[in-house]
Amino acid sequence: MGFFDFVKQAGSGLFGSDEAEADVTLPIIKHIEKAGVDISNLKTKLAQGVVTLTGYVPNQEQKEKAVLTAGNIQGVARVQDNLILGAPPADPVEVEKAEAEVAAAEADKPGEDGWESNTYTVKSGDTLGKIAKEIYGNAMDYPKIFEANRPMLSDPDKIYPGQVLRIPPK
């Protein structure tokens, strides 16, 4: 939980510059859903290049994918992760209370604490093999990184500078 910084100019061209402050929450939610995340209890908000994610996700992997997918959208400079693991309480008042408590506790707190994965920001000239060699010591371990970022990545050869990837433990 907490905030994650991203390269604002890099990422999927999900919305045009005219829409940067318009209601783009639906395209963001749909983009996150395409990454394989259960969005049934997830809410987003975009303001001044910051996406705020609130609600519930079933597990840590889906939480990490939601944050990285939202951050890898062109025009997004930061993601505020206020997501809660597990199923929401049946009582809507309890849901609102829990979400408000998490939002207050996580404001301006750096985000990777508690993540199972690390992150890596792609640099010019990087390949998944080069990243795997740097992280794991073996370029042939690149499929681990590719699989950890599916379906956000559809091809191991299609990464771009500024993209933030999940790096699973070896």
Protein backbone atom coordinates (compact mmCIF):
# COMPACT_ATOMS: atom_id res chain seq x y z
CA MET A 1 0.00 0.00 0.00
CA GLY A 2 1.06 3.58 -0.37
CA PHE A 3 2.17 5.52 -3.40
CA PHE A 4 4.17 4.46 -6.46
CA ASP A 5 5.84 6.87 -8.88
CA PHE A 6 5.79 6.28 -12.65
CA VAL A 7 7.11 7.99 -15.78
CA LYS A 8 4.19 10.19 -16.83
CA GLN A 9 5.18 10.30 -20.51
CA ALA A 10 5.53 6.50 -20.84
CA GLY A 11 2.81 3.92 -21.03
CA SER A 12 -0.31 2.86 -22.85
CA GLY A 13 -2.03 5.70 -24.68
CA LEU A 14 -5.33 5.02 -22.96
CA PHE A 15 -6.74 8.52 -23.24
CA GLY A 16 -5.89 11.66 -25.17
CA SER A 17 -4.51 14.83 -23.61
CA ASP A 18 -7.97 16.41 -23.71
CA GLU A 19 -9.27 13.70 -21.39
CA ALA A 20 -6.52 13.96 -18.78
CA GLU A 21 -8.88 15.52 -16.25
CA ALA A 22 -12.17 14.26 -17.68
CA ASP A 23 -13.98 11.22 -16.36
CA VAL A 24 -11.56 8.50 -17.45
CA THR A 25 -12.21 6.12 -14.59
CA LEU A 26 -14.05 3.62 -16.82
CA PRO A 27 -11.16 3.27 -19.31
CA ILE A 28 -8.72 2.85 -16.41
CA ILE A 29 -10.90 0.16 -14.78
CA LYS A 30 -11.30 -1.65 -18.12
CA HIS A 31 -7.52 -1.45 -18.72
CA ILE A 32 -6.91 -2.99 -15.29
CA GLU A 33 -9.49 -5.69 -16.00
CA LYS A 34 -7.66 -6.58 -19.25
CA ALA A 35 -4.58 -7.23 -17.10
CA GLY A 36 -6.48 -10.05 -15.42
CA VAL A 37 -7.50 -8.22 -12.25
CA ASP A 38 -10.90 -8.82 -10.63
CA ILE A 39 -12.42 -5.34 -10.74
CA SER A 40 -15.75 -6.19 -9.11
CA ASN A 41 -14.81 -4.39 -5.87
CA LEU A 42 -12.29 -1.88 -7.25
CA LYS A 43 -12.68 1.88 -7.68
CA THR A 44 -10.39 4.37 -9.40
CA LYS A 45 -10.02 8.12 -9.42
CA LEU A 46 -7.69 10.25 -11.57
CA ALA A 47 -6.69 13.76 -10.56
CA GLN A 48 -3.62 15.71 -11.72
CA GLY A 49 -1.81 12.62 -13.00
CA VAL A 50 -2.48 10.58 -9.84
CA VAL A 51 -4.60 7.44 -9.98
CA THR A 52 -6.08 6.41 -6.63
CA LEU A 53 -7.10 2.76 -6.33
CA THR A 54 -9.52 1.82 -3.57
CA GLY A 55 -11.58 -1.23 -2.78
CA TYR A 56 -10.86 -4.92 -2.46
CA VAL A 57 -8.79 -7.35 -4.51
CA PRO A 58 -8.61 -11.10 -3.89
CA ASN A 59 -4.83 -11.51 -3.56
CA GLN A 60 -1.42 -9.85 -3.58
CA GLU A 61 -0.68 -10.70 -7.22
CA GLN A 62 -3.86 -8.97 -8.38
CA LYS A 63 -3.07 -5.97 -6.19
CA GLU A 64 0.39 -5.61 -7.71
CA LYS A 65 -0.97 -6.00 -11.25
CA ALA A 66 -3.67 -3.37 -10.61
CA VAL A 67 -1.11 -0.83 -9.37
CA LEU A 68 1.38 -1.46 -12.17
CA THR A 69 -1.27 -1.53 -14.89
CA ALA A 70 -2.71 1.79 -13.70
CA GLY A 71 0.76 3.30 -13.47
CA ASN A 72 1.79 2.15 -16.93
CA ILE A 73 -0.76 4.46 -18.56
CA GLN A 74 0.54 7.51 -20.37
CA GLY A 75 -0.30 10.60 -18.33
CA VAL A 76 -0.14 8.82 -14.95
CA ALA A 77 2.73 9.98 -12.75
CA ARG A 78 1.72 8.28 -9.51
CA VAL A 79 -0.60 5.58 -8.18
CA GLN A 80 -1.98 5.76 -4.67
CA ASP A 81 -2.58 2.16 -3.57
CA ASN A 82 -5.39 2.04 -1.02
CA LEU A 83 -6.40 -1.51 -1.94
CA ILE A 84 -7.39 -4.05 0.68
CA LEU A 85 -6.75 -7.77 0.25
CA GLY A 86 -9.71 -10.11 0.57
CA ALA A 87 -13.46 -9.93 0.18
CA PRO A 88 -15.34 -6.82 1.28
CA PRO A 89 -17.59 -6.97 4.35
CA ALA A 90 -21.28 -7.49 3.65
CA ASP A 91 -22.18 -4.21 5.40
CA PRO A 92 -21.62 -1.21 3.06
CA VAL A 93 -20.97 1.03 6.06
CA GLU A 94 -18.11 -1.25 7.13
CA VAL A 95 -16.72 -1.14 3.57
CA GLU A 96 -16.69 2.67 3.60
CA LYS A 97 -15.14 2.75 7.06
CA ALA A 98 -12.36 0.29 6.13
CA GLU A 99 -11.59 2.13 2.87
CA ALA A 100 -11.43 5.49 4.68
CA GLU A 101 -9.07 4.08 7.34
CA VAL A 102 -6.76 2.62 4.69
CA ALA A 103 -6.76 5.85 2.67
CA ALA A 104 -5.80 7.89 5.74
CA ALA A 105 -3.06 5.46 6.76
CA GLU A 106 -1.54 5.16 3.28
CA ALA A 107 -1.45 8.78 2.15
CA ASP A 108 2.09 9.73 1.03
CA LYS A 109 3.56 6.43 2.26
CA PRO A 110 5.99 4.73 -0.17
CA GLY A 111 4.32 1.66 -1.61
CA GLU A 112 6.41 -1.50 -2.08
CA ASP A 113 6.38 -2.55 1.59
CA GLY A 114 4.55 -5.86 1.82
CA TRP A 115 4.81 -6.65 -1.89
CA GLU A 116 5.82 -10.19 -2.87
CA SER A 117 7.48 -8.84 -6.02
CA ASN A 118 9.97 -6.09 -6.67
CA THR A 119 9.58 -3.62 -9.50
CA TYR A 120 11.90 -2.62 -12.30
CA THR A 121 11.65 0.45 -14.52
CA VAL A 122 12.66 -0.38 -18.08
CA LYS A 123 15.54 1.67 -19.50
CA SER A 124 16.42 2.27 -23.13
CA GLY A 125 18.16 -0.81 -24.55
CA ASP A 126 16.67 -3.21 -21.99
CA THR A 127 15.28 -6.59 -22.93
CA LEU A 128 13.62 -9.09 -20.62
CA GLY A 129 16.73 -11.26 -21.00
CA LYS A 130 19.01 -8.40 -19.98
CA ILE A 131 16.78 -7.62 -16.99
CA ALA A 132 16.70 -11.31 -15.97
CA LYS A 133 20.51 -11.47 -16.20
CA GLU A 134 20.80 -8.38 -13.98
CA ILE A 135 18.21 -9.56 -11.43
CA TYR A 136 18.59 -13.35 -11.42
CA GLY A 137 22.06 -13.81 -12.92
CA ASN A 138 20.67 -15.77 -15.90
CA ALA A 139 19.18 -14.23 -19.05
CA MET A 140 17.24 -17.44 -19.71
CA ASP A 141 15.06 -16.68 -16.67
CA TYR A 142 13.27 -13.96 -18.66
CA PRO A 143 10.03 -16.06 -18.92
CA LYS A 144 9.53 -15.58 -15.14
CA ILE A 145 9.35 -11.83 -15.66
CA PHE A 146 7.19 -12.19 -18.76
CA GLU A 147 4.67 -14.48 -17.01
CA ALA A 148 4.53 -12.20 -13.94
CA ASN A 149 3.47 -9.33 -16.21
CA ARG A 150 0.93 -11.14 -18.40
CA PRO A 151 -1.46 -10.07 -19.84
CA MET A 152 -0.04 -6.54 -19.49
CA LEU A 153 2.78 -7.86 -21.69
CA SER A 154 1.59 -9.74 -24.74
CA ASP A 155 5.05 -10.29 -26.24
CA PRO A 156 8.38 -10.60 -24.41
CA ASP A 157 9.99 -8.38 -27.07
CA LYS A 158 7.56 -5.50 -26.58
CA ILE A 159 8.70 -3.51 -23.56
CA TYR A 160 9.42 0.22 -23.58
CA PRO A 161 11.52 2.69 -21.56
CA GLY A 162 9.66 3.94 -18.50
CA GLN A 163 7.46 0.85 -18.21
CA VAL A 164 7.39 -0.58 -14.69
CA LEU A 165 7.45 -4.38 -14.47
CA ARG A 166 6.78 -6.87 -11.67
CA ILE A 167 9.89 -8.86 -10.82
CA PRO A 168 8.91 -12.04 -8.97
CA PRO A 169 11.26 -13.65 -6.46
CA LYS A 170 13.67 -16.18 -7.97
